[in-house]
């Protein structure tokens, strides 16, 4: 003979405040106690145990809360320990940039693109093909009809020029060549 769920629900409602106090003392947090007591309700009400094998319902309900509270504390301890370890950066979610950081980043990209556009044509083409296009130095040398060491020098000079310009005056953007 099994108890009906509405009797279990009524027992849960009559014990809820005592369960909350009990769970709060175990967990040290009213919010965590609320979660544990709700989980206990979900485990208690649909249970179809017979009266002969089931422990007294009130004691059984408190035991469910105690076991869930212990599980919660173990999980929290484990999470705290794992956060304390030197986990690789890719394990933790990266913080989202603020809108201001996004605007500043976009402005830096725009300035760098303006600086690339202001480079001499062979330097610009070599830099764009090697760094952004994924072409090999040999392919760029064949395209520009230059030697491989010259392409290395052009790319290295272009990167150095842009780096120096960004460090010298981050707000200054050189005028574009060949355009009025």
N, C-alpha and C. Protein backbone atom coordinates (compact mmCIF):
# COMPACT_ATOMS: atom_id res chain seq x y z
N UNK A 1 0.84 -1.17 0.00
CA UNK A 1 0.00 0.00 0.00
C UNK A 1 0.88 1.24 0.00
N UNK A 2 0.77 2.08 -0.99
CA UNK A 2 1.64 3.26 -1.06
C UNK A 2 0.87 4.50 -0.65
N UNK A 3 1.61 5.46 -0.14
CA UNK A 3 0.99 6.73 0.24
C UNK A 3 0.65 7.52 -1.00
N UNK A 4 -0.38 8.28 -0.92
CA UNK A 4 -0.76 9.10 -2.06
C UNK A 4 0.13 10.34 -2.09
N UNK A 5 0.46 10.85 -3.30
CA UNK A 5 1.32 12.04 -3.39
C UNK A 5 0.77 13.25 -2.67
N UNK A 6 -0.58 13.43 -2.60
CA UNK A 6 -1.11 14.61 -1.93
C UNK A 6 -0.86 14.56 -0.42
N UNK A 7 -0.82 13.37 0.18
CA UNK A 7 -0.48 13.26 1.60
C UNK A 7 0.99 13.63 1.82
N UNK A 8 1.83 13.18 0.92
CA UNK A 8 3.26 13.52 1.00
C UNK A 8 3.45 15.03 0.82
N UNK A 9 2.71 15.61 -0.11
CA UNK A 9 2.81 17.04 -0.35
C UNK A 9 2.38 17.82 0.90
N UNK A 10 1.30 17.41 1.52
CA UNK A 10 0.84 18.08 2.74
C UNK A 10 1.87 17.96 3.86
N UNK A 11 2.49 16.78 3.97
CA UNK A 11 3.54 16.60 4.97
C UNK A 11 4.73 17.53 4.66
N UNK A 12 5.10 17.62 3.40
CA UNK A 12 6.18 18.51 3.00
C UNK A 12 5.85 19.96 3.37
N UNK A 13 4.64 20.40 3.05
CA UNK A 13 4.25 21.79 3.37
C UNK A 13 4.27 22.04 4.87
N UNK A 14 3.84 21.07 5.65
CA UNK A 14 3.82 21.29 7.10
C UNK A 14 5.24 21.33 7.68
N UNK A 15 6.20 20.65 7.03
CA UNK A 15 7.58 20.60 7.53
C UNK A 15 8.51 21.60 6.85
N UNK A 16 8.02 22.34 5.88
CA UNK A 16 8.90 23.16 5.04
C UNK A 16 9.72 24.16 5.85
N UNK A 17 9.10 24.88 6.77
CA UNK A 17 9.87 25.89 7.53
C UNK A 17 10.95 25.22 8.38
N UNK A 18 10.63 24.08 8.98
CA UNK A 18 11.63 23.35 9.76
C UNK A 18 12.75 22.83 8.87
N UNK A 19 12.39 22.39 7.65
CA UNK A 19 13.39 21.92 6.70
C UNK A 19 14.31 23.06 6.26
N UNK A 20 13.73 24.23 6.05
CA UNK A 20 14.52 25.40 5.65
C UNK A 20 15.51 25.77 6.76
N UNK A 21 15.04 25.78 7.99
CA UNK A 21 15.94 26.11 9.11
C UNK A 21 17.06 25.08 9.23
N UNK A 22 16.70 23.81 9.11
CA UNK A 22 17.67 22.73 9.21
C UNK A 22 18.72 22.83 8.10
N UNK A 23 18.26 23.02 6.87
CA UNK A 23 19.17 23.12 5.73
C UNK A 23 20.02 24.39 5.82
N UNK A 24 19.45 25.49 6.30
CA UNK A 24 20.21 26.73 6.46
C UNK A 24 21.35 26.56 7.45
N UNK A 25 21.08 25.85 8.54
CA UNK A 25 22.14 25.61 9.53
C UNK A 25 23.24 24.74 8.93
N UNK A 26 22.85 23.74 8.15
CA UNK A 26 23.86 22.85 7.55
C UNK A 26 24.69 23.56 6.49
N UNK A 27 24.06 24.41 5.70
CA UNK A 27 24.72 25.01 4.54
C UNK A 27 25.28 26.41 4.80
N UNK A 28 24.70 27.10 5.78
CA UNK A 28 25.16 28.45 6.05
C UNK A 28 24.63 29.47 5.05
N UNK A 29 23.64 29.10 4.27
CA UNK A 29 23.10 29.99 3.26
C UNK A 29 21.62 29.70 3.06
N UNK A 30 20.81 30.73 3.16
CA UNK A 30 19.36 30.56 2.98
C UNK A 30 19.03 30.21 1.52
N UNK A 31 19.78 30.81 0.58
CA UNK A 31 19.52 30.54 -0.84
C UNK A 31 19.84 29.09 -1.19
N UNK A 32 20.97 28.60 -0.71
CA UNK A 32 21.34 27.20 -0.96
C UNK A 32 20.34 26.27 -0.28
N UNK A 33 19.87 26.64 0.90
CA UNK A 33 18.89 25.83 1.62
C UNK A 33 17.60 25.74 0.80
N UNK A 34 17.19 26.82 0.20
CA UNK A 34 15.98 26.82 -0.63
C UNK A 34 16.12 25.81 -1.77
N UNK A 35 17.28 25.81 -2.42
CA UNK A 35 17.51 24.86 -3.52
C UNK A 35 17.46 23.41 -3.02
N UNK A 36 18.09 23.16 -1.89
CA UNK A 36 18.13 21.81 -1.35
C UNK A 36 16.74 21.34 -0.93
N UNK A 37 15.97 22.20 -0.29
CA UNK A 37 14.63 21.82 0.15
C UNK A 37 13.72 21.56 -1.05
N UNK A 38 13.85 22.34 -2.09
CA UNK A 38 13.05 22.09 -3.30
C UNK A 38 13.43 20.76 -3.94
N UNK A 39 14.73 20.47 -3.99
CA UNK A 39 15.18 19.19 -4.54
C UNK A 39 14.66 18.04 -3.67
N UNK A 40 14.63 18.23 -2.37
CA UNK A 40 14.10 17.20 -1.47
C UNK A 40 12.62 16.96 -1.75
N UNK A 41 11.89 18.02 -2.01
CA UNK A 41 10.47 17.87 -2.35
C UNK A 41 10.30 17.03 -3.61
N UNK A 42 11.13 17.31 -4.62
CA UNK A 42 11.03 16.55 -5.87
C UNK A 42 11.35 15.08 -5.67
N UNK A 43 12.23 14.79 -4.76
CA UNK A 43 12.58 13.39 -4.49
C UNK A 43 11.58 12.72 -3.54
N UNK A 44 10.92 13.49 -2.72
CA UNK A 44 10.03 12.93 -1.70
C UNK A 44 8.63 12.65 -2.23
N UNK A 45 8.03 13.59 -2.92
CA UNK A 45 6.63 13.46 -3.32
C UNK A 45 6.38 12.32 -4.29
N UNK A 46 7.14 12.17 -5.38
CA UNK A 46 6.80 11.07 -6.29
C UNK A 46 7.23 9.69 -5.83
N UNK A 47 7.92 9.60 -4.70
CA UNK A 47 8.39 8.30 -4.24
C UNK A 47 7.20 7.38 -3.99
N UNK A 48 7.28 6.16 -4.50
CA UNK A 48 6.18 5.21 -4.37
C UNK A 48 6.50 4.09 -3.41
N UNK A 49 7.08 4.42 -2.29
CA UNK A 49 7.44 3.38 -1.32
C UNK A 49 6.19 2.93 -0.56
N UNK A 50 6.20 1.72 -0.17
CA UNK A 50 5.09 1.20 0.62
C UNK A 50 5.29 1.57 2.08
N UNK A 51 4.21 1.56 2.81
CA UNK A 51 4.25 1.95 4.21
C UNK A 51 5.11 0.99 5.03
N UNK A 52 5.13 -0.28 4.64
CA UNK A 52 5.85 -1.28 5.42
C UNK A 52 7.37 -1.10 5.31
N UNK A 53 7.88 -0.68 4.12
CA UNK A 53 9.32 -0.57 3.94
C UNK A 53 9.82 0.86 4.09
N UNK A 54 8.96 1.82 4.05
CA UNK A 54 9.39 3.22 4.11
C UNK A 54 9.63 3.62 5.55
N UNK A 55 10.66 4.45 5.79
CA UNK A 55 10.85 4.98 7.15
C UNK A 55 9.74 5.98 7.44
N UNK A 56 9.63 6.42 8.67
CA UNK A 56 8.60 7.42 8.98
C UNK A 56 8.78 8.63 8.06
N UNK A 57 7.72 9.10 7.43
CA UNK A 57 7.84 10.12 6.38
C UNK A 57 8.55 11.39 6.83
N UNK A 58 8.28 11.87 8.05
CA UNK A 58 8.91 13.12 8.48
C UNK A 58 10.43 12.93 8.61
N UNK A 59 10.85 11.84 9.21
CA UNK A 59 12.28 11.55 9.36
C UNK A 59 12.93 11.33 8.00
N UNK A 60 12.18 10.66 7.12
CA UNK A 60 12.68 10.40 5.76
C UNK A 60 12.91 11.72 5.01
N UNK A 61 11.99 12.65 5.16
CA UNK A 61 12.12 13.96 4.50
C UNK A 61 13.34 14.72 5.03
N UNK A 62 13.57 14.69 6.33
CA UNK A 62 14.74 15.36 6.90
C UNK A 62 16.04 14.66 6.47
N UNK A 63 15.99 13.34 6.33
CA UNK A 63 17.18 12.62 5.87
C UNK A 63 17.50 13.00 4.42
N UNK A 64 16.48 13.16 3.58
CA UNK A 64 16.72 13.58 2.19
C UNK A 64 17.40 14.95 2.18
N UNK A 65 16.89 15.88 2.99
CA UNK A 65 17.48 17.23 3.05
C UNK A 65 18.93 17.15 3.53
N UNK A 66 19.19 16.33 4.56
CA UNK A 66 20.56 16.22 5.07
C UNK A 66 21.49 15.65 4.00
N UNK A 67 21.07 14.60 3.32
CA UNK A 67 21.91 14.00 2.28
C UNK A 67 22.17 14.97 1.13
N UNK A 68 21.15 15.70 0.72
CA UNK A 68 21.33 16.69 -0.35
C UNK A 68 22.25 17.82 0.09
N UNK A 69 22.14 18.22 1.36
CA UNK A 69 23.01 19.28 1.87
C UNK A 69 24.47 18.81 1.89
N UNK A 70 24.69 17.58 2.30
CA UNK A 70 26.06 17.03 2.31
C UNK A 70 26.60 16.97 0.88
N UNK A 71 25.78 16.52 -0.05
CA UNK A 71 26.20 16.48 -1.46
C UNK A 71 26.54 17.88 -1.97
N UNK A 72 25.71 18.85 -1.60
CA UNK A 72 25.94 20.23 -2.02
C UNK A 72 27.27 20.75 -1.48
N UNK A 73 27.53 20.48 -0.20
CA UNK A 73 28.79 20.94 0.41
C UNK A 73 30.00 20.26 -0.22
N UNK A 74 29.90 18.97 -0.52
CA UNK A 74 30.99 18.27 -1.19
C UNK A 74 31.26 18.86 -2.57
N UNK A 75 30.19 19.09 -3.31
CA UNK A 75 30.33 19.65 -4.66
C UNK A 75 30.98 21.04 -4.59
N UNK A 76 30.52 21.86 -3.64
CA UNK A 76 31.09 23.20 -3.50
C UNK A 76 32.56 23.14 -3.10
N UNK A 77 32.91 22.23 -2.21
CA UNK A 77 34.31 22.06 -1.81
C UNK A 77 35.16 21.63 -2.99
N UNK A 78 34.64 20.69 -3.76
CA UNK A 78 35.38 20.21 -4.94
C UNK A 78 35.57 21.35 -5.95
N UNK A 79 34.53 22.15 -6.18
CA UNK A 79 34.65 23.27 -7.12
C UNK A 79 35.64 24.31 -6.62
N UNK A 80 35.65 24.56 -5.32
CA UNK A 80 36.59 25.52 -4.75
C UNK A 80 38.02 25.02 -4.90
N UNK A 81 38.22 23.73 -4.64
CA UNK A 81 39.57 23.17 -4.80
C UNK A 81 40.02 23.22 -6.24
N UNK A 82 39.14 22.87 -7.16
CA UNK A 82 39.55 22.85 -8.57
C UNK A 82 39.79 24.26 -9.08
N UNK A 83 39.12 25.26 -8.53
CA UNK A 83 39.40 26.64 -8.94
C UNK A 83 40.74 27.11 -8.37
N UNK A 84 41.11 26.59 -7.21
CA UNK A 84 42.37 26.98 -6.59
C UNK A 84 43.59 26.44 -7.33
N UNK A 85 43.41 25.37 -8.06
CA UNK A 85 44.53 24.82 -8.82
C UNK A 85 44.85 25.74 -9.98
N UNK A 86 46.06 25.61 -10.47
CA UNK A 86 46.44 26.40 -11.63
C UNK A 86 45.93 25.72 -12.88
N UNK A 87 44.66 25.91 -13.14
CA UNK A 87 44.06 25.33 -14.32
C UNK A 87 44.47 26.14 -15.54
N UNK A 88 44.57 25.50 -16.69
CA UNK A 88 44.90 26.25 -17.91
C UNK A 88 43.82 27.30 -18.21
N UNK A 89 44.23 28.35 -18.88
CA UNK A 89 43.31 29.45 -19.17
C UNK A 89 42.11 29.01 -20.00
N UNK A 90 42.30 28.01 -20.86
CA UNK A 90 41.20 27.61 -21.73
C UNK A 90 40.11 26.88 -20.97
N UNK A 91 40.37 26.45 -19.74
CA UNK A 91 39.36 25.75 -18.96
C UNK A 91 38.31 26.74 -18.46
N UNK A 92 38.76 27.90 -18.06
CA UNK A 92 37.86 28.92 -17.51
C UNK A 92 37.28 29.75 -18.64
N UNK A 93 36.01 30.11 -18.56
CA UNK A 93 35.45 30.98 -19.60
C UNK A 93 36.11 32.35 -19.55
N UNK A 94 36.38 32.88 -20.70
CA UNK A 94 37.03 34.17 -20.78
C UNK A 94 36.00 35.28 -20.53
N UNK A 95 36.38 36.31 -19.79
CA UNK A 95 35.43 37.40 -19.55
C UNK A 95 35.15 38.16 -20.85
N UNK A 96 33.93 38.59 -20.97
CA UNK A 96 33.55 39.36 -22.15
C UNK A 96 34.11 40.77 -22.02
N UNK A 97 34.60 41.34 -23.12
CA UNK A 97 35.12 42.70 -23.03
C UNK A 97 33.97 43.69 -22.82
N UNK A 98 34.31 44.79 -22.16
CA UNK A 98 33.31 45.83 -21.95
C UNK A 98 33.08 46.55 -23.28
N UNK A 99 31.98 47.27 -23.41
CA UNK A 99 31.75 48.02 -24.65
C UNK A 99 32.88 49.01 -24.95
N UNK A 100 33.45 49.61 -23.91
CA UNK A 100 34.55 50.55 -24.12
C UNK A 100 35.77 49.84 -24.69
N UNK A 101 36.08 48.64 -24.15
CA UNK A 101 37.22 47.88 -24.66
C UNK A 101 37.00 47.46 -26.11
N UNK A 102 35.77 47.12 -26.44
CA UNK A 102 35.46 46.74 -27.82
C UNK A 102 35.66 47.91 -28.77
N UNK A 103 35.21 49.09 -28.36
CA UNK A 103 35.39 50.29 -29.20
C UNK A 103 36.87 50.60 -29.36
N UNK A 104 37.63 50.53 -28.27
CA UNK A 104 39.07 50.80 -28.36
C UNK A 104 39.78 49.79 -29.26
N UNK A 105 39.39 48.53 -29.15
CA UNK A 105 39.99 47.51 -30.00
C UNK A 105 39.68 47.78 -31.48
N UNK A 106 38.43 48.11 -31.77
CA UNK A 106 38.05 48.40 -33.16
C UNK A 106 38.80 49.62 -33.67
N UNK A 107 39.01 50.61 -32.82
CA UNK A 107 39.76 51.81 -33.21
C UNK A 107 41.22 51.45 -33.50
N UNK A 108 41.81 50.60 -32.67
CA UNK A 108 43.19 50.15 -32.91
C UNK A 108 43.31 49.39 -34.23
N UNK A 109 42.34 48.55 -34.51
CA UNK A 109 42.35 47.80 -35.76
C UNK A 109 42.25 48.76 -36.94
N UNK A 110 41.36 49.75 -36.82
CA UNK A 110 41.21 50.72 -37.91
C UNK A 110 42.51 51.48 -38.14
N UNK A 111 43.17 51.89 -37.04
CA UNK A 111 44.43 52.62 -37.18
C UNK A 111 45.50 51.74 -37.82
N UNK A 112 45.58 50.47 -37.40
CA UNK A 112 46.56 49.55 -37.99
C UNK A 112 46.28 49.33 -39.47
N UNK A 113 45.01 49.21 -39.84
CA UNK A 113 44.67 49.02 -41.25
C UNK A 113 45.03 50.27 -42.06
N UNK A 114 44.84 51.45 -41.48
CA UNK A 114 45.25 52.69 -42.16
C UNK A 114 46.76 52.72 -42.35
N UNK A 115 47.50 52.25 -41.34
CA UNK A 115 48.96 52.21 -41.44
C UNK A 115 49.40 51.22 -42.50
N UNK A 116 48.73 50.09 -42.59
CA UNK A 116 49.06 49.11 -43.63
C UNK A 116 48.79 49.70 -45.01
N UNK A 117 47.68 50.40 -45.14
CA UNK A 117 47.34 51.01 -46.43
C UNK A 117 48.35 52.08 -46.82
N UNK A 118 49.03 52.70 -45.84
CA UNK A 118 49.99 53.76 -46.13
C UNK A 118 51.38 53.22 -46.47
N UNK A 119 51.59 51.92 -46.36
CA UNK A 119 52.90 51.33 -46.69
C UNK A 119 53.15 51.41 -48.20
N UNK A 120 54.43 51.36 -48.60
CA UNK A 120 54.74 51.28 -50.03
C UNK A 120 54.07 50.03 -50.62
N UNK A 121 53.69 50.07 -51.89
CA UNK A 121 52.90 48.98 -52.47
C UNK A 121 53.50 47.59 -52.31
N UNK A 122 54.79 47.40 -52.58
CA UNK A 122 55.37 46.06 -52.46
C UNK A 122 55.36 45.56 -51.02
N UNK A 123 55.64 46.46 -50.06
CA UNK A 123 55.59 46.06 -48.66
C UNK A 123 54.18 45.67 -48.26
N UNK A 124 53.20 46.48 -48.66
CA UNK A 124 51.80 46.22 -48.31
C UNK A 124 51.33 44.89 -48.88
N UNK A 125 51.62 44.67 -50.17
CA UNK A 125 51.18 43.43 -50.82
C UNK A 125 51.85 42.22 -50.17
N UNK A 126 53.15 42.32 -49.93
CA UNK A 126 53.88 41.20 -49.31
C UNK A 126 53.33 40.91 -47.91
N UNK A 127 53.11 41.95 -47.12
CA UNK A 127 52.58 41.77 -45.77
C UNK A 127 51.19 41.14 -45.80
N UNK A 128 50.32 41.68 -46.64
CA UNK A 128 48.95 41.16 -46.71
C UNK A 128 48.91 39.72 -47.19
N UNK A 129 49.73 39.39 -48.18
CA UNK A 129 49.70 38.02 -48.71
C UNK A 129 50.26 37.02 -47.70
N UNK A 130 51.36 37.39 -47.02
CA UNK A 130 51.99 36.46 -46.08
C UNK A 130 51.20 36.37 -44.78
N UNK A 131 50.86 37.51 -44.18
CA UNK A 131 50.23 37.52 -42.85
C UNK A 131 48.73 37.25 -42.89
N UNK A 132 48.03 37.75 -43.90
CA UNK A 132 46.57 37.64 -43.93
C UNK A 132 46.06 36.65 -44.98
N UNK A 133 46.81 36.50 -46.07
CA UNK A 133 46.35 35.65 -47.15
C UNK A 133 46.76 34.21 -47.03
N UNK A 134 47.74 33.92 -46.19
CA UNK A 134 48.18 32.55 -46.01
C UNK A 134 49.09 32.03 -47.12
N UNK A 135 49.63 32.94 -47.92
CA UNK A 135 50.53 32.53 -48.99
C UNK A 135 51.93 32.29 -48.42
N UNK A 136 52.66 31.40 -49.07
CA UNK A 136 54.05 31.18 -48.66
C UNK A 136 54.91 32.30 -49.23
N UNK A 137 56.09 32.46 -48.67
CA UNK A 137 57.00 33.50 -49.13
C UNK A 137 57.38 33.25 -50.59
N UNK A 138 57.52 31.99 -50.96
CA UNK A 138 57.87 31.65 -52.34
C UNK A 138 56.76 32.06 -53.31
N UNK A 139 55.51 31.87 -52.91
CA UNK A 139 54.38 32.27 -53.76
C UNK A 139 54.33 33.79 -53.92
N UNK A 140 54.59 34.51 -52.84
CA UNK A 140 54.59 35.97 -52.90
C UNK A 140 55.74 36.45 -53.78
N UNK A 141 56.90 35.81 -53.65
CA UNK A 141 58.06 36.18 -54.48
C UNK A 141 57.74 35.97 -55.95
N UNK A 142 57.08 34.88 -56.29
CA UNK A 142 56.71 34.62 -57.68
C UNK A 142 55.69 35.65 -58.16
N UNK A 143 54.73 36.02 -57.31
CA UNK A 143 53.69 36.98 -57.68
C UNK A 143 54.28 38.37 -57.92
N UNK A 144 55.21 38.79 -57.06
CA UNK A 144 55.80 40.13 -57.18
C UNK A 144 57.05 40.15 -58.06
N UNK A 145 57.47 38.98 -58.49
CA UNK A 145 58.67 38.84 -59.31
C UNK A 145 59.89 39.40 -58.57
N UNK A 146 60.03 38.99 -57.30
CA UNK A 146 61.15 39.39 -56.46
C UNK A 146 61.75 38.13 -55.85
N UNK A 147 62.92 38.28 -55.23
CA UNK A 147 63.56 37.12 -54.60
C UNK A 147 62.93 36.84 -53.24
N UNK A 148 63.10 35.62 -52.75
CA UNK A 148 62.56 35.21 -51.45
C UNK A 148 63.16 36.05 -50.32
N UNK A 149 64.50 36.28 -50.28
CA UNK A 149 65.03 37.13 -49.21
C UNK A 149 64.45 38.54 -49.23
N UNK A 150 64.15 39.06 -50.43
CA UNK A 150 63.56 40.40 -50.53
C UNK A 150 62.16 40.40 -49.92
N UNK A 151 61.40 39.35 -50.14
CA UNK A 151 60.05 39.27 -49.55
C UNK A 151 60.14 39.20 -48.03
N UNK A 152 61.06 38.41 -47.50
CA UNK A 152 61.27 38.37 -46.05
C UNK A 152 61.58 39.77 -45.52
N UNK A 153 62.47 40.47 -46.21
CA UNK A 153 62.85 41.82 -45.79
C UNK A 153 61.66 42.77 -45.86
N UNK A 154 60.85 42.69 -46.91
CA UNK A 154 59.68 43.57 -47.05
C UNK A 154 58.67 43.34 -45.92
N UNK A 155 58.40 42.08 -45.62
CA UNK A 155 57.43 41.76 -44.55
C UNK A 155 57.97 42.21 -43.20
N UNK A 156 59.24 41.93 -42.95
CA UNK A 156 59.85 42.31 -41.67
C UNK A 156 59.86 43.84 -41.52
N UNK A 157 60.18 44.55 -42.57
CA UNK A 157 60.20 46.01 -42.53
C UNK A 157 58.79 46.55 -42.31
N UNK A 158 57.80 45.97 -42.96
CA UNK A 158 56.42 46.43 -42.80
C UNK A 158 55.95 46.24 -41.36
N UNK A 159 56.24 45.08 -40.78
CA UNK A 159 55.83 44.82 -39.40
C UNK A 159 56.54 45.76 -38.44
N UNK A 160 57.82 45.97 -38.65
CA UNK A 160 58.59 46.88 -37.78
C UNK A 160 58.07 48.31 -37.90
N UNK A 161 57.76 48.74 -39.10
CA UNK A 161 57.26 50.11 -39.32
C UNK A 161 55.94 50.32 -38.60
N UNK A 162 55.02 49.39 -38.73
CA UNK A 162 53.71 49.52 -38.08
C UNK A 162 53.86 49.48 -36.56
N UNK A 163 54.69 48.59 -36.06
CA UNK A 163 54.91 48.49 -34.62
C UNK A 163 55.48 49.78 -34.07
N UNK A 164 56.47 50.34 -34.73
CA UNK A 164 57.07 51.60 -34.27
C UNK A 164 56.07 52.74 -34.32
N UNK A 165 55.29 52.81 -35.36
CA UNK A 165 54.30 53.89 -35.46
C UNK A 165 53.24 53.78 -34.37
N UNK A 166 52.82 52.57 -34.07
CA UNK A 166 51.82 52.40 -33.00
C UNK A 166 52.40 52.75 -31.64
N UNK A 167 53.68 52.46 -31.42
CA UNK A 167 54.31 52.78 -30.13
C UNK A 167 54.61 54.26 -30.00
N UNK A 168 55.02 54.90 -31.09
CA UNK A 168 55.41 56.31 -31.02
C UNK A 168 54.23 57.19 -30.68
N UNK A 169 53.22 57.15 -31.49
CA UNK A 169 52.05 58.00 -31.28
C UNK A 169 50.81 57.20 -31.67
N UNK A 170 50.15 56.61 -30.68
CA UNK A 170 49.02 55.74 -31.00
C UNK A 170 47.87 56.47 -31.70
N UNK A 171 47.79 57.78 -31.56
CA UNK A 171 46.70 58.52 -32.19
C UNK A 171 47.04 58.97 -33.60
N UNK A 172 48.32 59.03 -33.92
CA UNK A 172 48.72 59.54 -35.23
C UNK A 172 48.60 58.45 -36.27
N UNK A 173 47.93 58.72 -37.32
CA UNK A 173 47.79 57.81 -38.45
C UNK A 173 48.46 58.48 -39.63
N UNK A 174 49.43 57.83 -40.27
CA UNK A 174 50.11 58.47 -41.40
C UNK A 174 49.15 58.68 -42.56
N UNK A 175 49.40 59.71 -43.37
CA UNK A 175 48.54 59.93 -44.53
C UNK A 175 48.70 58.80 -45.52
N UNK A 176 47.61 58.50 -46.21
CA UNK A 176 47.63 57.43 -47.20
C UNK A 176 48.37 57.90 -48.43
N UNK A 177 49.18 57.02 -48.99
CA UNK A 177 49.95 57.37 -50.19
C UNK A 177 49.08 57.14 -51.42
N UNK A 178 49.27 58.03 -52.39
CA UNK A 178 48.61 57.86 -53.67
C UNK A 178 47.16 58.26 -53.67
N UNK A 179 46.66 58.78 -52.59
CA UNK A 179 45.27 59.21 -52.54
C UNK A 179 45.23 60.67 -52.13
N UNK A 180 44.37 61.45 -52.74
CA UNK A 180 44.28 62.86 -52.37
C UNK A 180 43.61 63.09 -51.06
